[in-house]
């Protein structure tokens, strides 16, 4: 019992859902449920709830807004939109400081950004395949890698600190949890921990497909939070691996 208590005390502080609630608005005229902030309640779950309530005629429409306000040291131009299902980001809005365009909590582009510069790592084969120059902050020996399901596993042994948020070894959890559900419960704690890693100059996160219809219903919410944590900044995995190969020479 004492050993179990000690292990629980040492485990990261997480909760079952982790990411905040889904924020929606009912558009009665259009018969739509508009999702302004993806969260633990996924679009498929919303669709099932509407059907159970006899409101199956209502469509669930993911409308993601990335409002940019001036935050010293955290401004960035988004390289991509984290919208649902690969659809055009029809709800995109850019707002100057003062809140124009903000219709729900958590829509500021830098809303979840830690104090360590953070990047999404675009997988091989995504984008144009070009190996672009890496920002000066990206040094593998000073990188904190927060992975999901081994997508950035090649960096495990070379990063300053590596952690796979989908590994079911600590904290809250349950049988049958998907990788993104594990990640959802640990993400904010891991981002805050990255700020305490001595010598860290950057945080690297895997770029997830923002697919509302995917088999992992937590994926859309996790992708949204990581996009905002990185303030929309992306680097190509090919470029990171090229840096790794150069360091091994």
Protein backbone atom coordinates (compact mmCIF):
# COMPACT_ATOMS: atom_id res chain seq x y z
CA UNK A 1 0.00 0.00 0.00
CA UNK A 2 2.86 2.35 0.84
CA UNK A 3 4.54 1.62 -2.50
CA UNK A 4 1.29 2.30 -4.37
CA UNK A 5 0.82 5.58 -2.54
CA UNK A 6 4.39 6.63 -3.37
CA UNK A 7 3.89 5.77 -7.04
CA UNK A 8 0.66 7.76 -7.16
CA UNK A 9 2.37 10.76 -5.59
CA UNK A 10 5.16 10.60 -8.17
CA UNK A 11 2.78 10.30 -11.14
CA UNK A 12 2.12 13.42 -13.25
CA UNK A 13 -0.92 15.46 -12.36
CA UNK A 14 -3.44 14.58 -15.05
CA UNK A 15 -7.18 14.10 -15.38
CA UNK A 16 -9.38 11.77 -17.35
CA UNK A 17 -10.22 14.10 -20.24
CA UNK A 18 -7.36 16.59 -19.95
CA UNK A 19 -8.27 19.00 -22.72
CA UNK A 20 -11.12 21.38 -22.00
CA UNK A 21 -14.70 21.06 -23.07
CA UNK A 22 -16.00 21.33 -26.60
CA UNK A 23 -17.61 24.72 -27.29
CA UNK A 24 -20.59 24.78 -29.65
CA UNK A 25 -23.37 27.08 -30.86
CA UNK A 26 -26.75 25.98 -32.11
CA UNK A 27 -27.71 27.58 -35.42
CA UNK A 28 -31.42 26.83 -35.56
CA UNK A 29 -31.97 28.57 -38.90
CA UNK A 30 -29.33 26.46 -40.64
CA UNK A 31 -30.06 23.38 -38.50
CA UNK A 32 -26.44 23.07 -37.54
CA UNK A 33 -24.39 22.58 -34.41
CA UNK A 34 -21.28 24.73 -34.91
CA UNK A 35 -18.14 23.53 -33.10
CA UNK A 36 -16.00 26.57 -32.26
CA UNK A 37 -13.51 24.75 -30.05
CA UNK A 38 -12.84 21.03 -30.43
CA UNK A 39 -12.54 19.20 -27.13
CA UNK A 40 -13.09 15.93 -25.36
CA UNK A 41 -16.63 15.65 -26.77
CA UNK A 42 -15.93 14.82 -30.41
CA UNK A 43 -18.13 15.57 -33.43
CA UNK A 44 -19.13 11.89 -33.76
CA UNK A 45 -20.26 11.89 -30.11
CA UNK A 46 -22.24 15.06 -30.75
CA UNK A 47 -23.88 13.47 -33.79
CA UNK A 48 -24.85 10.42 -31.73
CA UNK A 49 -26.30 12.63 -28.99
CA UNK A 50 -28.32 14.64 -31.52
CA UNK A 51 -29.68 11.44 -33.06
CA UNK A 52 -30.61 10.07 -29.65
CA UNK A 53 -32.49 13.30 -28.91
CA UNK A 54 -34.42 13.12 -32.16
CA UNK A 55 -32.38 15.93 -33.71
CA UNK A 56 -30.61 13.89 -36.35
CA UNK A 57 -31.49 16.50 -38.98
CA UNK A 58 -28.92 18.83 -37.39
CA UNK A 59 -25.46 18.67 -38.94
CA UNK A 60 -22.29 19.06 -36.89
CA UNK A 61 -20.02 21.63 -38.54
CA UNK A 62 -16.49 22.16 -37.22
CA UNK A 63 -15.67 25.87 -37.47
CA UNK A 64 -12.14 26.50 -36.22
CA UNK A 65 -10.97 30.06 -35.63
CA UNK A 66 -7.37 31.07 -35.09
CA UNK A 67 -7.47 34.62 -33.81
CA UNK A 68 -4.12 36.30 -33.50
CA UNK A 69 -3.47 38.87 -30.82
CA UNK A 70 -0.19 40.55 -29.95
CA UNK A 71 1.65 38.51 -27.35
CA UNK A 72 5.30 39.60 -26.99
CA UNK A 73 7.64 36.77 -27.92
CA UNK A 74 4.84 34.47 -29.08
CA UNK A 75 3.58 35.95 -32.33
CA UNK A 76 3.59 33.62 -35.29
CA UNK A 77 2.02 33.20 -38.68
CA UNK A 78 0.18 29.88 -38.88
CA UNK A 79 1.59 27.56 -41.52
CA UNK A 80 -1.63 25.58 -41.74
CA UNK A 81 -5.16 25.52 -40.42
CA UNK A 82 -6.21 22.82 -37.97
CA UNK A 83 -9.72 22.44 -39.23
CA UNK A 84 -11.88 19.39 -39.35
CA UNK A 85 -11.59 16.60 -41.88
CA UNK A 86 -9.23 18.47 -44.19
CA UNK A 87 -12.02 20.84 -45.19
CA UNK A 88 -11.32 24.51 -45.95
CA UNK A 89 -11.13 26.59 -42.80
CA UNK A 90 -14.27 28.57 -43.59
CA UNK A 91 -14.41 29.98 -40.08
CA UNK A 92 -10.88 31.36 -40.08
CA UNK A 93 -10.60 34.79 -38.51
CA UNK A 94 -7.67 37.02 -37.74
CA UNK A 95 -8.23 39.60 -35.04
CA UNK A 96 -6.10 42.38 -33.70
CA UNK A 97 -5.78 42.81 -29.97
CA UNK A 98 -9.14 43.75 -28.60
CA UNK A 99 -10.93 40.50 -29.37
CA UNK A 100 -12.63 41.05 -32.75
CA UNK A 101 -13.42 37.65 -34.23
CA UNK A 102 -13.34 35.79 -30.91
CA UNK A 103 -16.59 33.93 -30.37
CA UNK A 104 -15.50 31.25 -27.89
CA UNK A 105 -12.77 30.54 -25.32
CA UNK A 106 -9.45 29.14 -26.51
CA UNK A 107 -9.43 30.67 -29.99
CA UNK A 108 -6.28 32.79 -29.66
CA UNK A 109 -3.51 31.27 -31.78
CA UNK A 110 -1.00 31.37 -28.91
CA UNK A 111 -3.53 30.33 -26.26
CA UNK A 112 -1.71 27.19 -25.12
CA UNK A 113 1.88 28.14 -25.99
CA UNK A 114 4.45 27.23 -23.32
CA UNK A 115 7.36 29.52 -22.50
CA UNK A 116 9.69 27.30 -24.59
CA UNK A 117 9.44 27.86 -28.36
CA UNK A 118 7.33 25.02 -29.77
CA UNK A 119 7.06 23.50 -33.25
CA UNK A 120 4.86 20.92 -34.95
CA UNK A 121 6.90 18.33 -36.86
CA UNK A 122 5.32 17.66 -40.24
CA UNK A 123 5.61 13.96 -41.18
CA UNK A 124 7.50 12.66 -44.17
CA UNK A 125 5.40 12.84 -47.32
CA UNK A 126 3.27 15.73 -46.08
CA UNK A 127 3.56 19.09 -47.81
CA UNK A 128 5.92 19.62 -50.72
CA UNK A 129 8.66 17.38 -49.31
CA UNK A 130 11.22 20.19 -49.32
CA UNK A 131 13.89 20.17 -46.65
CA UNK A 132 13.77 23.71 -45.38
CA UNK A 133 16.29 25.37 -43.10
CA UNK A 134 15.45 24.81 -39.45
CA UNK A 135 14.95 27.70 -37.02
CA UNK A 136 17.92 28.35 -34.77
CA UNK A 137 15.97 27.13 -31.73
CA UNK A 138 15.77 23.58 -33.12
CA UNK A 139 18.81 21.81 -31.70
CA UNK A 140 18.16 18.13 -30.99
CA UNK A 141 20.43 18.11 -27.96
CA UNK A 142 18.28 20.87 -26.46
CA UNK A 143 14.89 19.61 -27.65
CA UNK A 144 12.01 18.34 -25.57
CA UNK A 145 10.08 15.86 -27.74
CA UNK A 146 6.47 15.16 -26.73
CA UNK A 147 5.43 12.33 -29.01
CA UNK A 148 2.18 10.45 -29.64
CA UNK A 149 2.34 6.84 -30.69
CA UNK A 150 5.99 6.84 -31.75
CA UNK A 151 5.58 9.29 -34.64
CA UNK A 152 8.83 10.98 -33.63
CA UNK A 153 10.45 7.83 -32.28
CA UNK A 154 13.61 8.43 -34.33
CA UNK A 155 14.39 11.31 -31.95
CA UNK A 156 13.99 9.29 -28.74
CA UNK A 157 17.70 8.73 -28.12
CA UNK A 158 19.01 12.09 -29.31
CA UNK A 159 16.61 14.58 -27.74
CA UNK A 160 17.34 16.27 -24.44
CA UNK A 161 14.07 14.83 -23.15
CA UNK A 162 11.66 12.44 -24.88
CA UNK A 163 8.22 11.38 -23.75
CA UNK A 164 5.49 9.54 -25.60
CA UNK A 165 2.16 10.81 -24.25
CA UNK A 166 0.37 7.71 -25.56
CA UNK A 167 2.43 5.29 -23.47
CA UNK A 168 0.07 4.03 -20.77
CA UNK A 169 2.55 3.91 -17.92
CA UNK A 170 1.63 6.72 -15.52
CA UNK A 171 -1.27 8.88 -14.45
CA UNK A 172 -4.96 8.48 -15.23
CA UNK A 173 -6.10 6.01 -17.80
CA UNK A 174 -8.19 3.01 -18.66
CA UNK A 175 -8.26 -0.11 -20.77
CA UNK A 176 -9.11 0.54 -24.40
CA UNK A 177 -7.99 4.15 -24.39
CA UNK A 178 -6.83 5.38 -27.79
CA UNK A 179 -3.41 7.06 -28.22
CA UNK A 180 -4.97 10.52 -28.51
CA UNK A 181 -7.09 9.97 -25.42
CA UNK A 182 -3.92 9.20 -23.49
CA UNK A 183 -2.32 12.27 -25.03
CA UNK A 184 -5.31 14.43 -24.16
CA UNK A 185 -5.05 13.53 -20.48
CA UNK A 186 -1.31 14.28 -20.33
CA UNK A 187 -0.76 17.11 -22.83
CA UNK A 188 -1.08 20.20 -20.64
CA UNK A 189 0.94 18.67 -17.82
CA UNK A 190 3.68 17.71 -20.30
CA UNK A 191 3.77 21.19 -21.86
CA UNK A 192 4.12 22.78 -18.43
CA UNK A 193 6.84 20.28 -17.52
CA UNK A 194 8.78 21.20 -20.68
CA UNK A 195 9.24 24.68 -19.23
CA UNK A 196 11.18 23.17 -16.32
CA UNK A 197 13.59 20.99 -18.34
CA UNK A 198 17.03 22.51 -17.83
CA UNK A 199 18.66 23.55 -21.12
CA UNK A 200 15.57 23.13 -23.30
CA UNK A 201 15.48 25.51 -26.28
CA UNK A 202 12.46 24.05 -28.10
CA UNK A 203 9.57 21.63 -27.84
CA UNK A 204 8.76 19.34 -30.78
CA UNK A 205 5.25 17.92 -31.23
CA UNK A 206 3.95 15.59 -33.96
CA UNK A 207 1.60 17.16 -36.48
CA UNK A 208 -1.62 15.15 -36.32
CA UNK A 209 -4.16 15.00 -39.14
CA UNK A 210 -7.06 17.16 -37.95
CA UNK A 211 -9.60 14.56 -39.03
CA UNK A 212 -12.93 14.85 -37.26
CA UNK A 213 -14.09 11.56 -38.77
CA UNK A 214 -11.04 9.53 -37.73
CA UNK A 215 -11.16 6.42 -35.58
CA UNK A 216 -9.63 8.27 -32.61
CA UNK A 217 -12.32 10.67 -31.44
CA UNK A 218 -9.89 12.69 -29.31
CA UNK A 219 -7.61 13.42 -32.26
CA UNK A 220 -9.31 16.62 -33.42
CA UNK A 221 -9.16 18.22 -29.96
CA UNK A 222 -5.54 17.17 -29.37
CA UNK A 223 -4.51 18.41 -32.84
CA UNK A 224 -6.13 21.77 -32.11
CA UNK A 225 -4.36 22.18 -28.75
CA UNK A 226 -0.96 21.25 -30.20
CA UNK A 227 -1.45 23.61 -33.16
CA UNK A 228 -2.05 26.47 -30.73
CA UNK A 229 0.78 25.36 -28.41
CA UNK A 230 3.10 25.70 -31.42
CA UNK A 231 1.41 28.97 -32.50
CA UNK A 232 1.05 27.40 -35.94
CA UNK A 233 4.80 26.92 -36.47
CA UNK A 234 5.85 23.83 -38.40
CA UNK A 235 9.12 22.16 -39.32
CA UNK A 236 9.56 19.21 -41.67
CA UNK A 237 10.56 15.83 -40.26
CA UNK A 238 12.96 15.49 -43.21
CA UNK A 239 14.76 18.62 -42.02
CA UNK A 240 14.98 17.35 -38.44
CA UNK A 241 16.31 13.97 -39.60
CA UNK A 242 18.86 15.74 -41.82
CA UNK A 243 20.04 17.58 -38.72
CA UNK A 244 20.28 14.24 -36.91
CA UNK A 245 22.35 12.69 -39.70
CA UNK A 246 24.67 15.69 -39.71
CA UNK A 247 25.21 15.40 -35.96
CA UNK A 248 26.15 11.72 -36.33
CA UNK A 249 28.96 12.38 -38.80
